[in-house]
């Protein structure tokens, strides 16, 4: 099955501590049904000093479950569900259920 949320998508958080925030998907982990979203679900971790980087407390993104994310509608930016559509040339593209707008370029 084609993935409904992919790397590079603009998404909105539907539930949890960061409800209402939006950001770009950095990474998707299909095996765990989770995704990393830039600027969302930030956690602070203690980092040991290495030759490459300074030690200390570092803030970074933690993964969010896919059920708590929705694609932002390309037309108005509000959360939408994702559907699929076959084009005349045989390509299968994602479409926003809210507006019918095509998500894939």
C-alpha atoms as a PDB file:
ATOM      1  CA  UNK A   1       0.000   0.000   0.000  1.00  0.00           C
ATOM      2  CA  UNK A   2       1.209   3.505  -0.789  1.00  0.00           C
ATOM      3  CA  UNK A   3       2.182   5.608   2.229  1.00  0.00           C
ATOM      4  CA  UNK A   4      -0.214   8.381   3.168  1.00  0.00           C
ATOM      5  CA  UNK A   5       2.445  10.450   4.961  1.00  0.00           C
ATOM      6  CA  UNK A   6       5.887  10.783   3.379  1.00  0.00           C
ATOM      7  CA  UNK A   7       9.152  12.606   3.987  1.00  0.00           C
ATOM      8  CA  UNK A   8       8.851  16.289   3.060  1.00  0.00           C
ATOM      9  CA  UNK A   9       5.087  16.527   3.684  1.00  0.00           C
ATOM     10  CA  UNK A  10       3.642  19.433   5.668  1.00  0.00           C
ATOM     11  CA  UNK A  11       1.675  17.918   8.560  1.00  0.00           C
ATOM     12  CA  UNK A  12      -0.415  19.090  11.529  1.00  0.00           C
ATOM     13  CA  UNK A  13      -0.384  17.398  14.956  1.00  0.00           C
ATOM     14  CA  UNK A  14      -3.891  16.285  15.990  1.00  0.00           C
ATOM     15  CA  UNK A  15      -3.273  15.060  19.547  1.00  0.00           C
ATOM     16  CA  UNK A  16      -0.828  15.257  22.414  1.00  0.00           C
ATOM     17  CA  UNK A  17       1.367  17.928  23.958  1.00  0.00           C
ATOM     18  CA  UNK A  18       1.994  19.660  20.599  1.00  0.00           C
ATOM     19  CA  UNK A  19      -1.610  19.570  19.325  1.00  0.00           C
ATOM     20  CA  UNK A  20      -2.172  22.211  16.633  1.00  0.00           C
ATOM     21  CA  UNK A  21       1.516  22.616  15.749  1.00  0.00           C
ATOM     22  CA  UNK A  22       2.655  21.979  12.202  1.00  0.00           C
ATOM     23  CA  UNK A  23       5.942  21.122  10.567  1.00  0.00           C
ATOM     24  CA  UNK A  24       7.711  19.199   7.836  1.00  0.00           C
ATOM     25  CA  UNK A  25       8.223  15.444   8.052  1.00  0.00           C
ATOM     26  CA  UNK A  26      11.963  14.714   8.359  1.00  0.00           C
ATOM     27  CA  UNK A  27      11.780  10.911   8.499  1.00  0.00           C
ATOM     28  CA  UNK A  28       9.111   8.193   8.442  1.00  0.00           C
ATOM     29  CA  UNK A  29       9.538   4.817  10.183  1.00  0.00           C
ATOM     30  CA  UNK A  30       6.814   2.612   8.610  1.00  0.00           C
ATOM     31  CA  UNK A  31       7.714  -0.470  10.710  1.00  0.00           C
ATOM     32  CA  UNK A  32       6.856   1.444  13.905  1.00  0.00           C
ATOM     33  CA  UNK A  33       4.132   3.685  12.359  1.00  0.00           C
ATOM     34  CA  UNK A  34       6.004   6.770  13.528  1.00  0.00           C
ATOM     35  CA  UNK A  35       7.441   9.948  12.002  1.00  0.00           C
ATOM     36  CA  UNK A  36       9.877  12.712  12.955  1.00  0.00           C
ATOM     37  CA  UNK A  37       8.442  16.203  12.417  1.00  0.00           C
ATOM     38  CA  UNK A  38      10.683  19.296  12.421  1.00  0.00           C
ATOM     39  CA  UNK A  39      10.086  21.429  15.545  1.00  0.00           C
ATOM     40  CA  UNK A  40       7.447  19.108  17.032  1.00  0.00           C
ATOM     41  CA  UNK A  41       7.658  16.844  20.134  1.00  0.00           C
ATOM     42  CA  UNK A  42      10.990  18.323  21.212  1.00  0.00           C
ATOM     43  CA  UNK A  43      12.846  16.460  23.971  1.00  0.00           C
ATOM     44  CA  UNK A  44      16.058  17.325  25.809  1.00  0.00           C
ATOM     45  CA  UNK A  45      18.809  14.722  25.897  1.00  0.00           C
ATOM     46  CA  UNK A  46      22.192  14.657  27.635  1.00  0.00           C
ATOM     47  CA  UNK A  47      24.922  14.388  25.005  1.00  0.00           C
ATOM     48  CA  UNK A  48      28.422  13.114  25.769  1.00  0.00           C
ATOM     49  CA  UNK A  49      31.217  15.238  24.338  1.00  0.00           C
ATOM     50  CA  UNK A  50      32.978  13.799  21.293  1.00  0.00           C
ATOM     51  CA  UNK A  51      35.748  15.038  19.030  1.00  0.00           C
ATOM     52  CA  UNK A  52      33.096  16.189  16.554  1.00  0.00           C
ATOM     53  CA  UNK A  53      30.638  17.936  18.885  1.00  0.00           C
ATOM     54  CA  UNK A  54      30.290  19.687  22.198  1.00  0.00           C
ATOM     55  CA  UNK A  55      28.719  17.902  25.181  1.00  0.00           C
ATOM     56  CA  UNK A  56      25.731  19.165  27.142  1.00  0.00           C
ATOM     57  CA  UNK A  57      21.949  19.089  26.982  1.00  0.00           C
ATOM     58  CA  UNK A  58      20.661  18.960  23.400  1.00  0.00           C
ATOM     59  CA  UNK A  59      17.073  19.514  22.239  1.00  0.00           C
ATOM     60  CA  UNK A  60      15.937  17.272  19.394  1.00  0.00           C
ATOM     61  CA  UNK A  61      12.752  15.899  17.856  1.00  0.00           C
ATOM     62  CA  UNK A  62      11.207  12.673  19.144  1.00  0.00           C
ATOM     63  CA  UNK A  63       8.975  10.591  16.898  1.00  0.00           C
ATOM     64  CA  UNK A  64       5.194  11.035  16.748  1.00  0.00           C
ATOM     65  CA  UNK A  65       2.724   8.229  15.977  1.00  0.00           C
ATOM     66  CA  UNK A  66       1.240   8.533  12.470  1.00  0.00           C
ATOM     67  CA  UNK A  67      -2.308   8.372  13.892  1.00  0.00           C
ATOM     68  CA  UNK A  68      -1.641  11.740  15.574  1.00  0.00           C
ATOM     69  CA  UNK A  69      -0.648  13.456  12.312  1.00  0.00           C
ATOM     70  CA  UNK A  70      -2.712  14.780   9.404  1.00  0.00           C
ATOM     71  CA  UNK A  71      -1.536  16.178   6.076  1.00  0.00           C
ATOM     72  CA  UNK A  72      -2.062  19.934   5.660  1.00  0.00           C
ATOM     73  CA  UNK A  73      -4.448  20.640   2.767  1.00  0.00           C
ATOM     74  CA  UNK A  74      -2.481  22.311  -0.082  1.00  0.00           C
ATOM     75  CA  UNK A  75      -5.375  24.731  -0.632  1.00  0.00           C
ATOM     76  CA  UNK A  76      -6.050  26.142   2.873  1.00  0.00           C
ATOM     77  CA  UNK A  77      -3.506  24.494   5.204  1.00  0.00           C
ATOM     78  CA  UNK A  78      -6.103  22.796   7.397  1.00  0.00           C
ATOM     79  CA  UNK A  79      -5.832  19.098   8.369  1.00  0.00           C
ATOM     80  CA  UNK A  80      -7.178  16.665   5.780  1.00  0.00           C
ATOM     81  CA  UNK A  81      -7.415  12.950   5.187  1.00  0.00           C
ATOM     82  CA  UNK A  82      -5.608  11.425   2.225  1.00  0.00           C
ATOM     83  CA  UNK A  83      -7.145   9.580  -0.703  1.00  0.00           C
ATOM     84  CA  UNK A  84      -5.682   8.084  -3.856  1.00  0.00           C
ATOM     85  CA  UNK A  85      -6.521   8.701  -7.494  1.00  0.00           C
ATOM     86  CA  UNK A  86      -5.320   7.150 -10.747  1.00  0.00           C
ATOM     87  CA  UNK A  87      -4.397   9.672 -13.422  1.00  0.00           C
ATOM     88  CA  UNK A  88      -4.958   9.135 -17.148  1.00  0.00           C
ATOM     89  CA  UNK A  89      -1.251   8.369 -17.645  1.00  0.00           C
ATOM     90  CA  UNK A  90      -1.483   5.508 -15.112  1.00  0.00           C
ATOM     91  CA  UNK A  91       0.207   7.252 -12.152  1.00  0.00           C
ATOM     92  CA  UNK A  92      -1.295   6.838  -8.679  1.00  0.00           C
ATOM     93  CA  UNK A  93      -1.293  10.139  -6.775  1.00  0.00           C
ATOM     94  CA  UNK A  94      -2.398  11.272  -3.333  1.00  0.00           C
ATOM     95  CA  UNK A  95      -5.288  13.727  -3.103  1.00  0.00           C
ATOM     96  CA  UNK A  96      -6.636  15.770  -0.201  1.00  0.00           C
ATOM     97  CA  UNK A  97     -10.123  14.558   0.779  1.00  0.00           C
ATOM     98  CA  UNK A  98     -11.049  18.022   2.034  1.00  0.00           C
ATOM     99  CA  UNK A  99     -10.531  19.928  -1.228  1.00  0.00           C
ATOM    100  CA  UNK A 100      -9.807  17.250  -3.826  1.00  0.00           C
ATOM    101  CA  UNK A 101      -6.486  18.981  -4.480  1.00  0.00           C
ATOM    102  CA  UNK A 102      -3.550  16.822  -5.622  1.00  0.00           C
ATOM    103  CA  UNK A 103      -0.828  16.458  -2.940  1.00  0.00           C
ATOM    104  CA  UNK A 104       1.889  14.866  -5.104  1.00  0.00           C
ATOM    105  CA  UNK A 105       3.600  17.077  -7.669  1.00  0.00           C
END
